[in-house]
Amino acid sequence: PVLEEGRERELIEEHAAQDKIILIKEGRPVSLEVSTGLGA
C-alpha cells in the first residue's frame, strides 16, 4: 500500500532528499545520521 496523503507524507517527501532515516514525532520530523536500516 502507498502511504496516504497527509501531513506525514508531506514531511517525508520534503526531507527525503537528505537520504537519512526520518522519524515523525507529533507531526515533526527527526533525522538520524544513518540512511539504511542495515544494522540500525
Full PDB file with SEQRES, HELIX, SHEET, SSBOND, CRYST1, ORIGX, SCALE, CONECT and MASTER records, all heavy atoms in Angstrom:
SEQRES   1 A   40  PRO VAL LEU GLU GLU GLY ARG GLU ARG GLU LEU ILE GLU          
SEQRES   2 A   40  GLU HIS ALA ALA GLN ASP LYS ILE ILE LEU ILE LYS GLU          
SEQRES   3 A   40  GLY ARG PRO VAL SER LEU GLU VAL SER THR GLY LEU GLY          
SEQRES   4 A   40  ALA                                                          
HELIX    1 AA1 ARG A    7  HIS A   15  1                                   9    
HELIX    2 AA2 ALA A   16  GLN A   18  5                                   3    
SHEET    1 AA1 2 ILE A  22  LYS A  25  0                                        
SHEET    2 AA1 2 ARG A  28  SER A  31 -1                                        
CRYST1    1.000    1.000    1.000  90.00  90.00  90.00 P 1           1          
ORIGX1      1.000000  0.000000  0.000000        0.00000                         
ORIGX2      0.000000  1.000000  0.000000        0.00000                         
ORIGX3      0.000000  0.000000  1.000000        0.00000                         
SCALE1      1.000000  0.000000  0.000000        0.00000                         
SCALE2      0.000000  1.000000  0.000000        0.00000                         
SCALE3      0.000000  0.000000  1.000000        0.00000                         
ATOM      1  N   PRO A   1       0.824  -1.217   0.000  1.00  0.00           N  
ATOM      2  CA  PRO A   1       0.000   0.000   0.000  1.00  0.00           C  
ATOM      3  C   PRO A   1       0.854   1.262   0.000  1.00  0.00           C  
ATOM      4  O   PRO A   1       1.920   1.305   0.611  1.00  0.00           O  
ATOM      5  CB  PRO A   1      -0.791  -0.121   1.311  1.00  0.00           C  
ATOM      6  CG  PRO A   1      -0.739  -1.561   1.683  1.00  0.00           C  
ATOM      7  CD  PRO A   1       0.562  -2.069   1.164  1.00  0.00           C  
ATOM      8  N   VAL A   2       0.371   2.263  -0.689  1.00  0.00           N  
ATOM      9  CA  VAL A   2       1.040   3.558  -0.746  1.00  0.00           C  
ATOM     10  C   VAL A   2       0.629   4.379   0.472  1.00  0.00           C  
ATOM     11  O   VAL A   2      -0.537   4.351   0.896  1.00  0.00           O  
ATOM     12  CB  VAL A   2       0.656   4.301  -2.048  1.00  0.00           C  
ATOM     13  CG1 VAL A   2       1.187   5.721  -2.047  1.00  0.00           C  
ATOM     14  CG2 VAL A   2       1.179   3.534  -3.250  1.00  0.00           C  
ATOM     15  N   LEU A   3       1.576   5.095   1.048  1.00  0.00           N  
ATOM     16  CA  LEU A   3       1.274   5.960   2.185  1.00  0.00           C  
ATOM     17  C   LEU A   3       0.264   7.024   1.754  1.00  0.00           C  
ATOM     18  O   LEU A   3       0.461   7.719   0.767  1.00  0.00           O  
ATOM     19  CB  LEU A   3       2.553   6.627   2.702  1.00  0.00           C  
ATOM     20  CG  LEU A   3       2.389   7.563   3.911  1.00  0.00           C  
ATOM     21  CD1 LEU A   3       1.945   6.772   5.142  1.00  0.00           C  
ATOM     22  CD2 LEU A   3       3.686   8.309   4.195  1.00  0.00           C  
ATOM     23  N   GLU A   4      -0.803   7.123   2.516  1.00  0.00           N  
ATOM     24  CA  GLU A   4      -1.871   8.038   2.164  1.00  0.00           C  
ATOM     25  C   GLU A   4      -1.411   9.495   2.239  1.00  0.00           C  
ATOM     26  O   GLU A   4      -0.460   9.834   2.928  1.00  0.00           O  
ATOM     27  CB  GLU A   4      -3.083   7.839   3.089  1.00  0.00           C  
ATOM     28  CG  GLU A   4      -2.817   8.082   4.559  1.00  0.00           C  
ATOM     29  CD  GLU A   4      -2.244   6.878   5.293  1.00  0.00           C  
ATOM     30  OE1 GLU A   4      -1.921   5.858   4.623  1.00  0.00           O  
ATOM     31  OE2 GLU A   4      -2.100   6.960   6.528  1.00  0.00           O  
ATOM     32  N   GLU A   5      -2.119  10.331   1.487  1.00  0.00           N  
ATOM     33  CA  GLU A   5      -1.823  11.757   1.512  1.00  0.00           C  
ATOM     34  C   GLU A   5      -2.101  12.317   2.901  1.00  0.00           C  
ATOM     35  O   GLU A   5      -3.013  11.880   3.585  1.00  0.00           O  
ATOM     36  CB  GLU A   5      -2.676  12.496   0.477  1.00  0.00           C  
ATOM     37  CG  GLU A   5      -2.417  12.097  -0.966  1.00  0.00           C  
ATOM     38  CD  GLU A   5      -1.025  12.481  -1.438  1.00  0.00           C  
ATOM     39  OE1 GLU A   5      -0.463  13.453  -0.892  1.00  0.00           O  
ATOM     40  OE2 GLU A   5      -0.514  11.826  -2.358  1.00  0.00           O  
ATOM     41  N   GLY A   6      -1.291  13.299   3.306  1.00  0.00           N  
ATOM     42  CA  GLY A   6      -1.472  13.895   4.624  1.00  0.00           C  
ATOM     43  C   GLY A   6      -0.193  14.545   5.100  1.00  0.00           C  
ATOM     44  O   GLY A   6       0.823  14.588   4.377  1.00  0.00           O  
ATOM     45  N   ARG A   7      -0.218  15.052   6.315  1.00  0.00           N  
ATOM     46  CA  ARG A   7       0.913  15.768   6.870  1.00  0.00           C  
ATOM     47  C   ARG A   7       2.161  14.904   6.938  1.00  0.00           C  
ATOM     48  O   ARG A   7       3.271  15.364   6.613  1.00  0.00           O  
ATOM     49  CB  ARG A   7       0.552  16.278   8.276  1.00  0.00           C  
ATOM     50  CG  ARG A   7       1.669  17.008   9.013  1.00  0.00           C  
ATOM     51  CD  ARG A   7       2.105  18.252   8.278  1.00  0.00           C  
ATOM     52  NE  ARG A   7       3.105  18.998   9.030  1.00  0.00           N  
ATOM     53  CZ  ARG A   7       3.881  19.945   8.513  1.00  0.00           C  
ATOM     54  NH1 ARG A   7       3.759  20.260   7.225  1.00  0.00           N  
ATOM     55  NH2 ARG A   7       4.761  20.583   9.236  1.00  0.00           N  
ATOM     56  N   GLU A   8       2.026  13.636   7.333  1.00  0.00           N  
ATOM     57  CA  GLU A   8       3.190  12.757   7.476  1.00  0.00           C  
ATOM     58  C   GLU A   8       3.872  12.536   6.133  1.00  0.00           C  
ATOM     59  O   GLU A   8       5.105  12.584   6.033  1.00  0.00           O  
ATOM     60  CB  GLU A   8       2.779  11.410   8.093  1.00  0.00           C  
ATOM     61  CG  GLU A   8       2.382  11.482   9.553  1.00  0.00           C  
ATOM     62  CD  GLU A   8       0.966  11.999   9.751  1.00  0.00           C  
ATOM     63  OE1 GLU A   8       0.234  12.111   8.737  1.00  0.00           O  
ATOM     64  OE2 GLU A   8       0.592  12.296  10.900  1.00  0.00           O  
ATOM     65  N   ARG A   9       3.072  12.293   5.098  1.00  0.00           N  
ATOM     66  CA  ARG A   9       3.668  12.096   3.768  1.00  0.00           C  
ATOM     67  C   ARG A   9       4.347  13.373   3.288  1.00  0.00           C  
ATOM     68  O   ARG A   9       5.439  13.318   2.698  1.00  0.00           O  
ATOM     69  CB  ARG A   9       2.601  11.653   2.773  1.00  0.00           C  
ATOM     70  CG  ARG A   9       3.189  11.364   1.386  1.00  0.00           C  
ATOM     71  CD  ARG A   9       2.162  10.910   0.383  1.00  0.00           C  
ATOM     72  NE  ARG A   9       2.807  10.711  -0.912  1.00  0.00           N  
ATOM     73  CZ  ARG A   9       3.028   9.541  -1.491  1.00  0.00           C  
ATOM     74  NH1 ARG A   9       2.654   8.424  -0.879  1.00  0.00           N  
ATOM     75  NH2 ARG A   9       3.629   9.450  -2.658  1.00  0.00           N  
ATOM     76  N   GLU A  10       3.728  14.505   3.520  1.00  0.00           N  
ATOM     77  CA  GLU A  10       4.323  15.776   3.109  1.00  0.00           C  
ATOM     78  C   GLU A  10       5.682  15.982   3.774  1.00  0.00           C  
ATOM     79  O   GLU A  10       6.651  16.415   3.127  1.00  0.00           O  
ATOM     80  CB  GLU A  10       3.381  16.925   3.467  1.00  0.00           C  
ATOM     81  CG  GLU A  10       2.124  16.987   2.620  1.00  0.00           C  
ATOM     82  CD  GLU A  10       1.172  18.061   3.087  1.00  0.00           C  
ATOM     83  OE1 GLU A  10       1.530  18.779   4.060  1.00  0.00           O  
ATOM     84  OE2 GLU A  10       0.084  18.197   2.503  1.00  0.00           O  
ATOM     85  N   LEU A  11       5.769  15.668   5.060  1.00  0.00           N  
ATOM     86  CA  LEU A  11       7.029  15.839   5.790  1.00  0.00           C  
ATOM     87  C   LEU A  11       8.104  14.896   5.258  1.00  0.00           C  
ATOM     88  O   LEU A  11       9.263  15.285   5.092  1.00  0.00           O  
ATOM     89  CB  LEU A  11       6.808  15.593   7.285  1.00  0.00           C  
ATOM     90  CG  LEU A  11       6.052  16.681   8.052  1.00  0.00           C  
ATOM     91  CD1 LEU A  11       5.710  16.194   9.454  1.00  0.00           C  
ATOM     92  CD2 LEU A  11       6.881  17.959   8.114  1.00  0.00           C  
ATOM     93  N   ILE A  12       7.724  13.660   4.993  1.00  0.00           N  
ATOM     94  CA  ILE A  12       8.691  12.678   4.489  1.00  0.00           C  
ATOM     95  C   ILE A  12       9.195  13.090   3.113  1.00  0.00           C  
ATOM     96  O   ILE A  12      10.405  13.073   2.843  1.00  0.00           O  
ATOM     97  CB  ILE A  12       8.057  11.276   4.454  1.00  0.00           C  
ATOM     98  CG1 ILE A  12       7.878  10.756   5.889  1.00  0.00           C  
ATOM     99  CG2 ILE A  12       8.924  10.309   3.644  1.00  0.00           C  
ATOM    100  CD1 ILE A  12       7.085   9.472   5.982  1.00  0.00           C  
ATOM    101  N   GLU A  13       8.293  13.481   2.219  1.00  0.00           N  
ATOM    102  CA  GLU A  13       8.702  13.888   0.873  1.00  0.00           C  
ATOM    103  C   GLU A  13       9.561  15.149   0.920  1.00  0.00           C  
ATOM    104  O   GLU A  13      10.506  15.298   0.140  1.00  0.00           O  
ATOM    105  CB  GLU A  13       7.463  14.119   0.010  1.00  0.00           C  
ATOM    106  CG  GLU A  13       6.724  12.839  -0.338  1.00  0.00           C  
ATOM    107  CD  GLU A  13       5.493  13.073  -1.181  1.00  0.00           C  
ATOM    108  OE1 GLU A  13       4.900  14.162  -1.078  1.00  0.00           O  
ATOM    109  OE2 GLU A  13       5.119  12.167  -1.952  1.00  0.00           O  
ATOM    110  N   GLU A  14       9.272  16.025   1.864  1.00  0.00           N  
ATOM    111  CA  GLU A  14      10.024  17.269   1.990  1.00  0.00           C  
ATOM    112  C   GLU A  14      11.459  17.024   2.429  1.00  0.00           C  
ATOM    113  O   GLU A  14      12.383  17.729   2.019  1.00  0.00           O  
ATOM    114  CB  GLU A  14       9.327  18.178   3.001  1.00  0.00           C  
ATOM    115  CG  GLU A  14       9.974  19.543   3.190  1.00  0.00           C  
ATOM    116  CD  GLU A  14       9.237  20.391   4.207  1.00  0.00           C  
ATOM    117  OE1 GLU A  14       8.046  20.110   4.461  1.00  0.00           O  
ATOM    118  OE2 GLU A  14       9.848  21.330   4.758  1.00  0.00           O  
ATOM    119  N   HIS A  15      11.672  15.985   3.271  1.00  0.00           N  
ATOM    120  CA  HIS A  15      13.002  15.732   3.835  1.00  0.00           C  
ATOM    121  C   HIS A  15      13.688  14.503   3.250  1.00  0.00           C  
ATOM    122  O   HIS A  15      14.799  14.169   3.655  1.00  0.00           O  
ATOM    123  CB  HIS A  15      12.895  15.562   5.362  1.00  0.00           C  
ATOM    124  CG  HIS A  15      12.477  16.813   6.084  1.00  0.00           C  
ATOM    125  ND1 HIS A  15      11.154  17.180   6.215  1.00  0.00           N  
ATOM    126  CD2 HIS A  15      13.209  17.784   6.683  1.00  0.00           C  
ATOM    127  CE1 HIS A  15      11.079  18.311   6.877  1.00  0.00           C  
ATOM    128  NE2 HIS A  15      12.306  18.705   7.174  1.00  0.00           N  
ATOM    129  N   ALA A  16      13.041  13.815   2.289  1.00  0.00           N  
ATOM    130  CA  ALA A  16      13.593  12.572   1.741  1.00  0.00           C  
ATOM    131  C   ALA A  16      14.941  12.772   1.073  1.00  0.00           C  
ATOM    132  O   ALA A  16      15.793  11.872   1.067  1.00  0.00           O  
ATOM    133  CB  ALA A  16      12.605  11.948   0.756  1.00  0.00           C  
ATOM    134  N   ALA A  17      15.173  13.963   0.493  1.00  0.00           N  
ATOM    135  CA  ALA A  17      16.423  14.230  -0.212  1.00  0.00           C  
ATOM    136  C   ALA A  17      17.631  14.211   0.717  1.00  0.00           C  
ATOM    137  O   ALA A  17      18.769  14.099   0.258  1.00  0.00           O  
ATOM    138  CB  ALA A  17      16.341  15.575  -0.924  1.00  0.00           C  
ATOM    139  N   GLN A  18      17.415  14.297   2.034  1.00  0.00           N  
ATOM    140  CA  GLN A  18      18.525  14.225   2.986  1.00  0.00           C  
ATOM    141  C   GLN A  18      19.180  12.851   2.984  1.00  0.00           C  
ATOM    142  O   GLN A  18      20.305  12.684   3.438  1.00  0.00           O  
ATOM    143  CB  GLN A  18      18.026  14.537   4.402  1.00  0.00           C  
ATOM    144  CG  GLN A  18      17.497  15.928   4.599  1.00  0.00           C  
ATOM    145  CD  GLN A  18      16.990  16.147   6.023  1.00  0.00           C  
ATOM    146  OE1 GLN A  18      17.166  15.286   6.897  1.00  0.00           O  
ATOM    147  NE2 GLN A  18      16.374  17.287   6.258  1.00  0.00           N  
ATOM    148  N   ASP A  19      18.435  11.850   2.477  1.00  0.00           N  
ATOM    149  CA  ASP A  19      18.917  10.469   2.434  1.00  0.00           C  
ATOM    150  C   ASP A  19      19.273   9.971   3.836  1.00  0.00           C  
ATOM    151  O   ASP A  19      20.282   9.295   4.032  1.00  0.00           O  
ATOM    152  CB  ASP A  19      20.123  10.346   1.499  1.00  0.00           C  
ATOM    153  CG  ASP A  19      20.307   8.917   1.007  1.00  0.00           C  
ATOM    154  OD1 ASP A  19      19.295   8.219   0.832  1.00  0.00           O  
ATOM    155  OD2 ASP A  19      21.459   8.490   0.817  1.00  0.00           O  
ATOM    156  N   LYS A  20      18.436  10.302   4.791  1.00  0.00           N  
ATOM    157  CA  LYS A  20      18.614   9.862   6.182  1.00  0.00           C  
ATOM    158  C   LYS A  20      17.308   9.284   6.704  1.00  0.00           C  
ATOM    159  O   LYS A  20      16.221   9.646   6.238  1.00  0.00           O  
ATOM    160  CB  LYS A  20      19.040  11.042   7.061  1.00  0.00           C  
ATOM    161  CG  LYS A  20      20.401  11.622   6.723  1.00  0.00           C  
ATOM    162  CD  LYS A  20      20.729  12.797   7.625  1.00  0.00           C  
ATOM    163  CE  LYS A  20      22.093  13.392   7.280  1.00  0.00           C  
ATOM    164  NZ  LYS A  20      22.409  14.570   8.128  1.00  0.00           N  
ATOM    165  N   ILE A  21      17.417   8.379   7.679  1.00  0.00           N  
ATOM    166  CA  ILE A  21      16.222   7.870   8.336  1.00  0.00           C  
ATOM    167  C   ILE A  21      15.531   9.023   9.053  1.00  0.00           C  
ATOM    168  O   ILE A  21      16.164   9.804   9.756  1.00  0.00           O  
ATOM    169  CB  ILE A  21      16.572   6.740   9.315  1.00  0.00           C  
ATOM    170  CG1 ILE A  21      17.047   5.497   8.540  1.00  0.00           C  
ATOM    171  CG2 ILE A  21      15.367   6.388  10.194  1.00  0.00           C  
ATOM    172  CD1 ILE A  21      17.438   4.325   9.421  1.00  0.00           C  
ATOM    173  N   ILE A  22      14.225   9.111   8.844  1.00  0.00           N  
ATOM    174  CA  ILE A  22      13.446  10.194   9.440  1.00  0.00           C  
ATOM    175  C   ILE A  22      12.332   9.611  10.300  1.00  0.00           C  
ATOM    176  O   ILE A  22      11.569   8.751   9.837  1.00  0.00           O  
ATOM    177  CB  ILE A  22      12.835  11.100   8.358  1.00  0.00           C  
ATOM    178  CG1 ILE A  22      13.936  11.736   7.506  1.00  0.00           C  
ATOM    179  CG2 ILE A  22      11.957  12.192   8.987  1.00  0.00           C  
ATOM    180  CD1 ILE A  22      13.412  12.435   6.273  1.00  0.00           C  
ATOM    181  N   LEU A  23      12.245  10.054  11.541  1.00  0.00           N  
ATOM    182  CA  LEU A  23      11.146   9.696  12.432  1.00  0.00           C  
ATOM    183  C   LEU A  23      10.158  10.850  12.486  1.00  0.00           C  
ATOM    184  O   LEU A  23      10.571  12.005  12.559  1.00  0.00           O  
ATOM    185  CB  LEU A  23      11.645   9.391  13.850  1.00  0.00           C  
ATOM    186  CG  LEU A  23      12.277   8.010  14.105  1.00  0.00           C  
ATOM    187  CD1 LEU A  23      13.558   7.814  13.317  1.00  0.00           C  
ATOM    188  CD2 LEU A  23      12.528   7.802  15.591  1.00  0.00           C  
ATOM    189  N   ILE A  24       8.882  10.541  12.408  1.00  0.00           N  
ATOM    190  CA  ILE A  24       7.849  11.557  12.571  1.00  0.00           C  
ATOM    191  C   ILE A  24       7.301  11.443  13.986  1.00  0.00           C  
ATOM    192  O   ILE A  24       6.726  10.418  14.362  1.00  0.00           O  
ATOM    193  CB  ILE A  24       6.712  11.401  11.545  1.00  0.00           C  
ATOM    194  CG1 ILE A  24       7.279  11.390  10.127  1.00  0.00           C  
ATOM    195  CG2 ILE A  24       5.683  12.519  11.716  1.00  0.00           C  
ATOM    196  CD1 ILE A  24       7.970  12.656   9.708  1.00  0.00           C  
ATOM    197  N   LYS A  25       7.503  12.494  14.784  1.00  0.00           N  
ATOM    198  CA  LYS A  25       7.040  12.512  16.173  1.00  0.00           C  
ATOM    199  C   LYS A  25       6.131  13.718  16.384  1.00  0.00           C  
ATOM    200  O   LYS A  25       6.562  14.861  16.198  1.00  0.00           O  
ATOM    201  CB  LYS A  25       8.233  12.590  17.131  1.00  0.00           C  
ATOM    202  CG  LYS A  25       9.192  11.415  17.036  1.00  0.00           C  
ATOM    203  CD  LYS A  25      10.237  11.464  18.151  1.00  0.00           C  
ATOM    204  CE  LYS A  25      11.178  10.279  18.083  1.00  0.00           C  
ATOM    205  NZ  LYS A  25      12.075  10.183  19.260  1.00  0.00           N  
ATOM    206  N   GLU A  26       4.903  13.445  16.728  1.00  0.00           N  
ATOM    207  CA  GLU A  26       3.916  14.514  16.936  1.00  0.00           C  
ATOM    208  C   GLU A  26       3.875  15.484  15.752  1.00  0.00           C  
ATOM    209  O   GLU A  26       3.786  16.694  15.924  1.00  0.00           O  
ATOM    210  CB  GLU A  26       4.223  15.287  18.231  1.00  0.00           C  
ATOM    211  CG  GLU A  26       3.936  14.501  19.500  1.00  0.00           C  
ATOM    212  CD  GLU A  26       4.015  15.380  20.729  1.00  0.00           C  
ATOM    213  OE1 GLU A  26       5.052  16.060  20.902  1.00  0.00           O  
ATOM    214  OE2 GLU A  26       3.063  15.404  21.506  1.00  0.00           O  
ATOM    215  N   GLY A  27       3.953  14.919  14.544  1.00  0.00           N  
ATOM    216  CA  GLY A  27       3.868  15.752  13.357  1.00  0.00           C  
ATOM    217  C   GLY A  27       5.117  16.534  13.038  1.00  0.00           C  
ATOM    218  O   GLY A  27       5.079  17.458  12.219  1.00  0.00           O  
ATOM    219  N   ARG A  28       6.241  16.159  13.652  1.00  0.00           N  
ATOM    220  CA  ARG A  28       7.515  16.844  13.391  1.00  0.00           C  
ATOM    221  C   ARG A  28       8.571  15.827  12.973  1.00  0.00           C  
ATOM    222  O   ARG A  28       8.657  14.736  13.542  1.00  0.00           O  
ATOM    223  CB  ARG A  28       7.986  17.606  14.634  1.00  0.00           C  
ATOM    224  CG  ARG A  28       7.102  18.778  15.007  1.00  0.00           C  
ATOM    225  CD  ARG A  28       7.774  19.662  16.052  1.00  0.00           C  
ATOM    226  NE  ARG A  28       8.041  18.938  17.273  1.00  0.00           N  
ATOM    227  CZ  ARG A  28       7.171  18.851  18.293  1.00  0.00           C  
ATOM    228  NH1 ARG A  28       5.994  19.436  18.213  1.00  0.00           N  
ATOM    229  NH2 ARG A  28       7.500  18.181  19.377  1.00  0.00           N  
ATOM    230  N   PRO A  29       9.438  16.177  11.988  1.00  0.00           N  
ATOM    231  CA  PRO A  29      10.469  15.237  11.531  1.00  0.00           C  
ATOM    232  C   PRO A  29      11.708  15.279  12.426  1.00  0.00           C  
ATOM    233  O   PRO A  29      12.148  16.349  12.843  1.00  0.00           O  
ATOM    234  CB  PRO A  29      10.802  15.755  10.129  1.00  0.00           C  
ATOM    235  CG  PRO A  29      10.549  17.224  10.208  1.00  0.00           C  
ATOM    236  CD  PRO A  29       9.399  17.403  11.172  1.00  0.00           C  
ATOM    237  N   VAL A  30      12.265  14.100  12.679  1.00  0.00           N  
ATOM    238  CA  VAL A  30      13.519  13.969  13.421  1.00  0.00           C  
ATOM    239  C   VAL A  30      14.456  13.116  12.576  1.00  0.00           C  
ATOM    240  O   VAL A  30      14.175  11.942  12.318  1.00  0.00           O  
ATOM    241  CB  VAL A  30      13.314  13.323  14.807  1.00  0.00           C  
ATOM    242  CG1 VAL A  30      14.654  13.152  15.517  1.00  0.00           C  
ATOM    243  CG2 VAL A  30      12.355  14.147  15.649  1.00  0.00           C  
ATOM    244  N   SER A  31      15.571  13.682  12.117  1.00  0.00           N  
ATOM    245  CA  SER A  31      16.507  12.963  11.245  1.00  0.00           C  
ATOM    246  C   SER A  31      17.587  12.262  12.057  1.00  0.00           C  
ATOM    247  O   SER A  31      18.118  12.822  13.022  1.00  0.00           O  
ATOM    248  CB  SER A  31      17.158  13.939  10.258  1.00  0.00           C  
ATOM    249  OG  SER A  31      16.197  14.537   9.433  1.00  0.00           O  
ATOM    250  N   LEU A  32      17.906  11.029  11.653  1.00  0.00           N  
ATOM    251  CA  LEU A  32      19.016  10.287  12.246  1.00  0.00           C  
ATOM    252  C   LEU A  32      20.199  10.333  11.283  1.00  0.00           C  
ATOM    253  O   LEU A  32      20.036  10.575  10.089  1.00  0.00           O  
ATOM    254  CB  LEU A  32      18.608   8.841  12.524  1.00  0.00           C  
ATOM    255  CG  LEU A  32      17.343   8.625  13.374  1.00  0.00           C  
ATOM    256  CD1 LEU A  32      17.124   7.134  13.612  1.00  0.00           C  
ATOM    257  CD2 LEU A  32      17.429   9.371  14.690  1.00  0.00           C  
ATOM    258  N   GLU A  33      21.369  10.065  11.781  1.00  0.00           N  
ATOM    259  CA  GLU A  33      22.576  10.154  10.948  1.00  0.00           C  
ATOM    260  C   GLU A  33      22.895   8.832  10.232  1.00  0.00           C  
ATOM    261  O   GLU A  33      24.050   8.465  10.077  1.00  0.00           O  
ATOM    262  CB  GLU A  33      23.771  10.587  11.809  1.00  0.00           C  
ATOM    263  CG  GLU A  33      23.675  12.018  12.302  1.00  0.00           C  
ATOM    264  CD  GLU A  33      23.534  13.014  11.159  1.00  0.00           C  
ATOM    265  OE1 GLU A  33      24.262  12.880  10.166  1.00  0.00           O  
ATOM    266  OE2 GLU A  33      22.686  13.919  11.271  1.00  0.00           O  
ATOM    267  N   VAL A  34      21.871   8.110   9.817  1.00  0.00           N  
ATOM    268  CA  VAL A  34      22.041   6.877   9.044  1.00  0.00           C  
ATOM    269  C   VAL A  34      21.017   6.891   7.916  1.00  0.00           C  
ATOM    270  O   VAL A  34      19.943   7.482   8.030  1.00  0.00           O  
ATOM    271  CB  VAL A  34      21.862   5.611   9.910  1.00  0.00           C  
ATOM    272  CG1 VAL A  34      23.022   5.445  10.876  1.00  0.00           C  
ATOM    273  CG2 VAL A  34      20.545   5.658  10.684  1.00  0.00           C  
ATOM    274  N   SER A  35      21.339   6.241   6.806  1.00  0.00           N  
ATOM    275  CA  SER A  35      20.447   6.248   5.646  1.00  0.00           C  
ATOM    276  C   SER A  35      19.811   4.898   5.374  1.00  0.00           C  
ATOM    277  O   SER A  35      18.826   4.806   4.637  1.00  0.00           O  
ATOM    278  CB  SER A  35      21.217   6.694   4.397  1.00  0.00           C  
ATOM    279  OG  SER A  35      22.258   5.783   4.112  1.00  0.00           O  
ATOM    280  N   THR A  36      20.368   3.839   5.943  1.00  0.00           N  
ATOM    281  CA  THR A  36      19.877   2.496   5.679  1.00  0.00           C  
ATOM    282  C   THR A  36      19.466   1.810   6.972  1.00  0.00           C  
ATOM    283  O   THR A  36      19.971   2.142   8.048  1.00  0.00           O  
ATOM    284  CB  THR A  36      20.951   1.652   4.966  1.00  0.00           C  
ATOM    285  OG1 THR A  36      20.489   0.313   4.831  1.00  0.00           O  
ATOM    286  CG2 THR A  36      22.244   1.641   5.752  1.00  0.00           C  
ATOM    287  N   GLY A  37      18.539   0.864   6.831  1.00  0.00           N  
ATOM    288  CA  GLY A  37      18.122   0.105   8.004  1.00  0.00           C  
ATOM    289  C   GLY A  37      19.110  -0.985   8.375  1.00  0.00           C  
ATOM    290  O   GLY A  37      18.992  -1.608   9.434  1.00  0.00           O  
ATOM    291  N   LEU A  38      20.103  -1.212   7.523  1.00  0.00           N  
ATOM    292  CA  LEU A  38      21.079  -2.279   7.758  1.00  0.00           C  
ATOM    293  C   LEU A  38      21.818  -2.051   9.077  1.00  0.00           C  
ATOM    294  O   LEU A  38      22.565  -1.089   9.223  1.00  0.00           O  
ATOM    295  CB  LEU A  38      22.076  -2.336   6.601  1.00  0.00           C  
ATOM    296  CG  LEU A  38      23.076  -3.488   6.593  1.00  0.00           C  
ATOM    297  CD1 LEU A  38      22.347  -4.810   6.447  1.00  0.00           C  
ATOM    298  CD2 LEU A  38      24.077  -3.315   5.460  1.00  0.00           C  
ATOM    299  N   GLY A  39      21.578  -2.910  10.042  1.00  0.00           N  
ATOM    300  CA  GLY A  39      22.248  -2.818  11.341  1.00  0.00           C  
ATOM    301  C   GLY A  39      21.764  -1.695  12.227  1.00  0.00           C  
ATOM    302  O   GLY A  39      22.387  -1.394  13.250  1.00  0.00           O  
ATOM    303  N   ALA A  40      20.645  -1.059  11.858  1.00  0.00           N  
ATOM    304  CA  ALA A  40      20.173   0.106  12.618  1.00  0.00           C  
ATOM    305  C   ALA A  40      19.083  -0.236  13.621  1.00  0.00           C  
ATOM    306  O   ALA A  40      18.475   0.659  14.204  1.00  0.00           O  
ATOM    307  CB  ALA A  40      19.661   1.177  11.653  1.00  0.00           C  
TER     308      ALA A  40                                                      
MASTER        0    0    0    2    2    0    0    6  307    1    0    4          
END                                                                             
